Amino acid sequence: MLGSSLLNKNYPAVVFHVTKHQIKSFSEATGQTDPLYFNENISKKKRPSLLAPLTFLTVIDHKQKKPYQYIIDLGMDLGRILHAGQKYMYHHPIYSGDVITKRGKISNIYEKNNGDLQFVEFKSYYTNQRDIMVAESLAIIAYRNNI
């Protein structure tokens, strides 16, 4: 069983510099077609720079050295983990040139099915260089105790 001693543990902040190339590459890889993600001239008509698609935050998550350190800290067997959900709440657009800081913590640990399944929620907060909250995310993993 997973202990709750790490509940509310904060993890080191990740600082990420958003570039035009990263936005264009991610947009192409994810099949985006809106020119706001590719053409700076179009994007800049109403925005400060090239707009990042909503799902761009996953790039930031995977650029940190140990994106799943909390799983290691909890002593989880990787063969027993299931991805149970991912939620995002967006507050402000992200643009090329932004510097995004991600801060995260284990926000909840609970069980279901008489302890056969335990759930871990990891909450992340993303701010830009002006200390404006651009987004929040919640990653939920399920841990199977009896396999």
Protein backbone atom coordinates (compact mmCIF):
# COMPACT_ATOMS: atom_id res chain seq x y z
CA MET A 1 0.00 0.00 0.00
CA LEU A 2 1.15 3.50 -0.78
CA GLY A 3 1.81 5.70 2.19
CA SER A 4 0.50 9.20 2.51
CA SER A 5 3.71 10.63 3.96
CA LEU A 6 4.43 12.32 0.61
CA LEU A 7 1.02 13.97 0.39
CA ASN A 8 1.45 17.66 -0.50
CA LYS A 9 5.15 17.16 -1.22
CA ASN A 10 6.33 19.92 -3.55
CA TYR A 11 8.71 19.05 -6.36
CA PRO A 12 11.41 21.30 -7.82
CA ALA A 13 10.21 23.94 -10.24
CA VAL A 14 10.88 23.47 -13.95
CA VAL A 15 11.64 26.55 -16.05
CA PHE A 16 10.95 26.25 -19.77
CA HIS A 17 11.65 28.77 -22.55
CA VAL A 18 8.98 28.52 -25.26
CA THR A 19 10.34 28.91 -28.80
CA LYS A 20 8.70 29.29 -32.19
CA HIS A 21 10.42 26.12 -33.37
CA GLN A 22 9.01 24.09 -30.45
CA ILE A 23 5.48 25.39 -31.07
CA LYS A 24 5.67 24.65 -34.81
CA SER A 25 7.19 21.18 -34.27
CA PHE A 26 4.63 20.23 -31.64
CA SER A 27 1.78 21.58 -33.75
CA GLU A 28 2.93 19.60 -36.76
CA ALA A 29 3.41 16.41 -34.72
CA THR A 30 -0.09 16.68 -33.24
CA GLY A 31 -1.81 17.41 -36.55
CA GLN A 32 -2.76 21.02 -35.82
CA THR A 33 -3.95 22.98 -38.86
CA ASP A 34 -4.72 26.42 -37.44
CA PRO A 35 -2.24 28.95 -38.89
CA LEU A 36 -2.05 30.65 -35.47
CA TYR A 37 0.35 27.84 -34.49
CA PHE A 38 2.53 28.10 -37.60
CA ASN A 39 2.45 31.59 -39.07
CA GLU A 40 3.69 34.37 -36.84
CA ASN A 41 2.38 37.08 -39.16
CA ILE A 42 -1.15 35.78 -38.79
CA SER A 43 -0.81 35.15 -35.06
CA LYS A 44 0.67 38.59 -34.36
CA LYS A 45 -2.37 40.39 -35.80
CA LYS A 46 -4.10 39.89 -32.45
CA ARG A 47 -1.39 38.35 -30.26
CA PRO A 48 2.12 39.23 -29.11
CA SER A 49 3.73 36.24 -30.86
CA LEU A 50 3.16 32.71 -32.12
CA LEU A 51 0.39 31.02 -30.12
CA ALA A 52 1.00 27.61 -28.52
CA PRO A 53 -1.77 24.99 -28.79
CA LEU A 54 -3.53 24.02 -25.56
CA THR A 55 -1.85 20.62 -25.36
CA PHE A 56 1.63 22.19 -25.59
CA LEU A 57 2.00 21.87 -21.81
CA THR A 58 2.91 18.20 -22.28
CA VAL A 59 6.17 19.37 -23.86
CA ILE A 60 7.04 21.20 -20.66
CA ASP A 61 6.15 18.15 -18.56
CA HIS A 62 8.53 15.93 -20.50
CA LYS A 63 11.46 18.37 -20.61
CA GLN A 64 12.22 18.00 -16.92
CA LYS A 65 14.97 15.59 -15.89
CA LYS A 66 12.72 13.25 -13.91
CA PRO A 67 9.09 13.94 -14.88
CA TYR A 68 7.77 11.05 -12.80
CA GLN A 69 9.96 11.41 -9.70
CA TYR A 70 6.86 11.21 -7.51
CA ILE A 71 6.22 7.65 -8.78
CA ILE A 72 9.75 6.67 -7.78
CA ASP A 73 9.38 8.42 -4.41
CA LEU A 74 6.19 6.47 -3.72
CA GLY A 75 8.01 3.20 -4.46
CA MET A 76 5.56 2.15 -7.16
CA ASP A 77 6.16 -0.91 -9.33
CA LEU A 78 5.81 0.44 -12.89
CA GLY A 79 4.04 -2.75 -14.00
CA ARG A 80 1.13 -1.94 -11.69
CA ILE A 81 0.48 1.62 -12.85
CA LEU A 82 -2.39 2.73 -15.07
CA HIS A 83 -2.95 6.23 -16.43
CA ALA A 84 -6.32 7.16 -14.95
CA GLY A 85 -6.76 10.69 -16.22
CA GLN A 86 -5.39 14.08 -17.13
CA LYS A 87 -7.19 17.40 -16.76
CA TYR A 88 -6.13 20.90 -17.72
CA MET A 89 -7.56 24.26 -16.73
CA TYR A 90 -6.33 27.12 -18.88
CA HIS A 91 -6.18 30.69 -17.64
CA HIS A 92 -4.01 32.57 -20.13
CA PRO A 93 -2.53 31.81 -23.58
CA ILE A 94 1.09 30.71 -24.00
CA TYR A 95 3.20 32.34 -26.70
CA SER A 96 6.67 31.91 -28.18
CA GLY A 97 9.07 33.91 -26.06
CA ASP A 98 7.27 33.05 -22.83
CA VAL A 99 9.21 31.54 -19.96
CA ILE A 100 6.95 29.04 -18.22
CA THR A 101 7.62 27.83 -14.69
CA LYS A 102 5.93 24.62 -13.66
CA ARG A 103 5.50 23.77 -9.98
CA GLY A 104 3.94 20.50 -8.91
CA LYS A 105 3.00 18.43 -5.91
CA ILE A 106 1.29 15.21 -4.88
CA SER A 107 -2.15 16.59 -4.06
CA ASN A 108 -4.12 13.49 -3.12
CA ILE A 109 -3.76 9.77 -2.42
CA TYR A 110 -6.83 7.62 -1.95
CA GLU A 111 -8.03 4.07 -2.48
CA LYS A 112 -11.01 2.25 -3.91
CA ASN A 113 -12.23 -1.31 -4.07
CA ASN A 114 -11.10 -2.20 -0.53
CA GLY A 115 -7.57 -1.05 -1.28
CA ASP A 116 -7.17 -3.06 -4.49
CA LEU A 117 -6.71 0.24 -6.33
CA GLN A 118 -4.93 3.30 -5.05
CA PHE A 119 -5.00 6.62 -6.83
CA VAL A 120 -2.37 9.35 -6.82
CA GLU A 121 -3.18 12.85 -8.01
CA PHE A 122 -0.33 15.14 -9.07
CA LYS A 123 -1.28 18.81 -9.37
CA SER A 124 0.82 21.21 -11.46
CA TYR A 125 0.72 25.00 -11.72
CA TYR A 126 2.16 26.87 -14.71
CA THR A 127 3.07 30.57 -14.58
CA ASN A 128 4.72 32.78 -17.18
CA GLN A 129 7.57 35.28 -16.81
CA ARG A 130 5.12 37.93 -15.58
CA ASP A 131 3.99 35.57 -12.79
CA ILE A 132 0.61 35.13 -14.49
CA MET A 133 -0.99 31.73 -13.93
CA VAL A 134 -1.39 30.30 -17.44
CA ALA A 135 -2.69 26.83 -16.53
CA GLU A 136 -3.19 24.11 -13.96
CA SER A 137 -3.14 20.38 -14.56
CA LEU A 138 -4.12 17.29 -12.67
CA ALA A 139 -2.56 13.92 -13.54
CA ILE A 140 -4.20 10.86 -12.00
CA ILE A 141 -2.59 7.44 -11.88
CA ALA A 142 -4.07 4.23 -10.53
CA TYR A 143 -1.93 1.68 -8.74
CA ARG A 144 -3.07 -1.93 -8.70
CA ASN A 145 -2.19 -3.54 -5.37
CA ASN A 146 -3.50 -7.04 -6.07
CA ILE A 147 -2.27 -8.44 -9.36
